[in-house]
C-alpha atoms as a PDB file:
ATOM      1  CA  MET A   1      27.237 120.028-121.530  1.00  0.00           C
ATOM      2  CA  SER A   2      24.489 118.488-119.732  1.00  0.00           C
ATOM      3  CA  GLN A   3      21.568 116.508-121.344  1.00  0.00           C
ATOM      4  CA  GLY A   4      18.605 117.615-120.112  1.00  0.00           C
ATOM      5  CA  TYR A   5      15.382 115.888-119.051  1.00  0.00           C
ATOM      6  CA  SER A   6      11.843 116.450-117.772  1.00  0.00           C
ATOM      7  CA  GLU A   7       8.971 114.909-115.592  1.00  0.00           C
ATOM      8  CA  GLU A   8       8.207 112.414-118.301  1.00  0.00           C
ATOM      9  CA  ASP A   9      11.573 110.713-118.162  1.00  0.00           C
ATOM     10  CA  ARG A  10      11.532 107.877-115.868  1.00  0.00           C
ATOM     11  CA  GLN A  11      15.167 106.721-115.854  1.00  0.00           C
ATOM     12  CA  ILE A  12      18.051 108.456-116.637  1.00  0.00           C
ATOM     13  CA  HIS A  13      21.468 107.058-117.823  1.00  0.00           C
ATOM     14  CA  THR A  14      24.587 108.798-117.525  1.00  0.00           C
ATOM     15  CA  SER A  15      28.085 108.781-116.144  1.00  0.00           C
ATOM     16  CA  VAL A  16      30.246 109.797-112.944  1.00  0.00           C
ATOM     17  CA  GLY A  17      30.766 113.136-113.047  1.00  0.00           C
ATOM     18  CA  GLN A  18      28.743 113.853-116.273  1.00  0.00           C
ATOM     19  CA  PRO A  19      25.904 116.248-115.315  1.00  0.00           C
ATOM     20  CA  VAL A  20      22.171 115.887-116.352  1.00  0.00           C
ATOM     21  CA  SER A  21      19.510 118.685-116.014  1.00  0.00           C
ATOM     22  CA  ILE A  22      15.890 118.117-114.838  1.00  0.00           C
ATOM     23  CA  GLU A  23      13.174 120.605-115.512  1.00  0.00           C
ATOM     24  CA  LEU A  24       9.584 120.453-113.521  1.00  0.00           C
ATOM     25  CA  ASN A  25       6.752 122.571-114.203  1.00  0.00           C
ATOM     26  CA  SER A  26       6.064 124.739-111.176  1.00  0.00           C
ATOM     27  CA  ASN A  27       4.531 127.779-110.129  1.00  0.00           C
ATOM     28  CA  PRO A  28       5.925 129.448-106.892  1.00  0.00           C
ATOM     29  CA  THR A  29       3.345 131.741-106.420  1.00  0.00           C
ATOM     30  CA  THR A  30       1.222 128.863-104.908  1.00  0.00           C
ATOM     31  CA  GLY A  31       4.059 128.923-102.177  1.00  0.00           C
ATOM     32  CA  CYS A  32       4.971 125.204-103.636  1.00  0.00           C
ATOM     33  CA  VAL A  33       8.721 124.436-104.349  1.00  0.00           C
ATOM     34  CA  TRP A  34      10.164 121.107-105.594  1.00  0.00           C
ATOM     35  CA  LYS A  35      12.553 119.386-103.006  1.00  0.00           C
ATOM     36  CA  PRO A  36      14.858 117.103-104.480  1.00  0.00           C
ATOM     37  CA  ILE A  37      15.491 113.789-102.220  1.00  0.00           C
ATOM     38  CA  ALA A  38      18.638 111.484-102.929  1.00  0.00           C
ATOM     39  CA  ASP A  39      21.405 109.879-101.551  1.00  0.00           C
ATOM     40  CA  GLU A  40      23.728 112.559-101.271  1.00  0.00           C
ATOM     41  CA  GLN A  41      26.734 109.780-101.397  1.00  0.00           C
ATOM     42  CA  SER A  42      25.743 109.208-104.654  1.00  0.00           C
ATOM     43  CA  VAL A  43      25.011 112.393-106.552  1.00  0.00           C
ATOM     44  CA  ILE A  44      24.802 116.032-106.120  1.00  0.00           C
ATOM     45  CA  VAL A  45      21.332 117.815-106.805  1.00  0.00           C
ATOM     46  CA  GLU A  46      21.868 121.872-107.565  1.00  0.00           C
ATOM     47  CA  ASP A  47      18.783 123.819-107.805  1.00  0.00           C
ATOM     48  CA  LEU A  48      19.127 125.929-110.708  1.00  0.00           C
ATOM     49  CA  GLY A  49      16.395 128.307-110.388  1.00  0.00           C
ATOM     50  CA  PHE A  50      13.033 129.037-111.740  1.00  0.00           C
ATOM     51  CA  GLU A  51      12.517 130.014-115.739  1.00  0.00           C
ATOM     52  CA  LEU A  52       9.207 131.802-115.917  1.00  0.00           C
ATOM     53  CA  GLY A  53       6.942 130.195-118.687  1.00  0.00           C
ATOM     54  CA  GLY A  54       5.435 133.339-119.654  1.00  0.00           C
ATOM     55  CA  THR A  55       4.486 136.939-119.258  1.00  0.00           C
ATOM     56  CA  ALA A  56       1.487 136.529-117.057  1.00  0.00           C
ATOM     57  CA  ILE A  57       1.732 137.669-113.644  1.00  0.00           C
ATOM     58  CA  GLY A  58       1.392 134.683-110.927  1.00  0.00           C
ATOM     59  CA  GLY A  59       2.077 132.117-113.794  1.00  0.00           C
ATOM     60  CA  GLY A  60       4.063 128.781-113.845  1.00  0.00           C
ATOM     61  CA  GLY A  61       7.128 128.145-115.598  1.00  0.00           C
ATOM     62  CA  LYS A  62      10.074 125.545-115.064  1.00  0.00           C
ATOM     63  CA  GLN A  63      12.063 124.741-112.039  1.00  0.00           C
ATOM     64  CA  ARG A  64      15.372 123.349-113.140  1.00  0.00           C
ATOM     65  CA  PHE A  65      17.992 121.012-111.134  1.00  0.00           C
ATOM     66  CA  ALA A  66      21.145 120.003-111.902  1.00  0.00           C
ATOM     67  CA  ILE A  67      22.392 116.368-111.136  1.00  0.00           C
ATOM     68  CA  ARG A  68      25.656 114.846-110.897  1.00  0.00           C
ATOM     69  CA  PRO A  69      26.255 111.217-110.124  1.00  0.00           C
ATOM     70  CA  LEU A  70      29.386 110.725-107.669  1.00  0.00           C
ATOM     71  CA  ARG A  71      30.036 106.828-108.194  1.00  0.00           C
ATOM     72  CA  THR A  72      28.819 104.026-110.331  1.00  0.00           C
ATOM     73  CA  GLY A  73      25.563 101.961-109.925  1.00  0.00           C
ATOM     74  CA  ASN A  74      21.969 102.875-109.625  1.00  0.00           C
ATOM     75  CA  THR A  75      20.497 105.549-107.214  1.00  0.00           C
ATOM     76  CA  ARG A  76      16.960 106.959-107.141  1.00  0.00           C
ATOM     77  CA  VAL A  77      16.378 110.939-106.692  1.00  0.00           C
ATOM     78  CA  ARG A  78      12.764 111.838-106.148  1.00  0.00           C
ATOM     79  CA  PHE A  79      11.260 115.093-105.969  1.00  0.00           C
ATOM     80  CA  GLU A  80       8.711 116.634-103.586  1.00  0.00           C
ATOM     81  CA  TYR A  81       6.304 119.403-104.584  1.00  0.00           C
ATOM     82  CA  SER A  82       4.990 121.140-101.715  1.00  0.00           C
ATOM     83  CA  GLN A  83       5.218 124.272 -99.478  1.00  0.00           C
ATOM     84  CA  PRO A  84       8.141 124.425 -97.140  1.00  0.00           C
ATOM     85  CA  TRP A  85       5.885 125.207 -94.281  1.00  0.00           C
END
């Protein structure tokens, strides 16, 4: 089972192979998406998709990611929110 984190968390502590989940506020109707930036030798970042926050058309929600450490030590994972074009 993975431990969950949100955009308010700045440091995450976990063990090699132990996944953690990240939820970031998002509104894909604006054309913006979250893009993870990480050292691929240190972590695997998997996009788990978007979860709508309500029933309003064009409403926002949460973009979910799973981060799995591949080795011990410290690494940085950043997320950029932008339009991909």
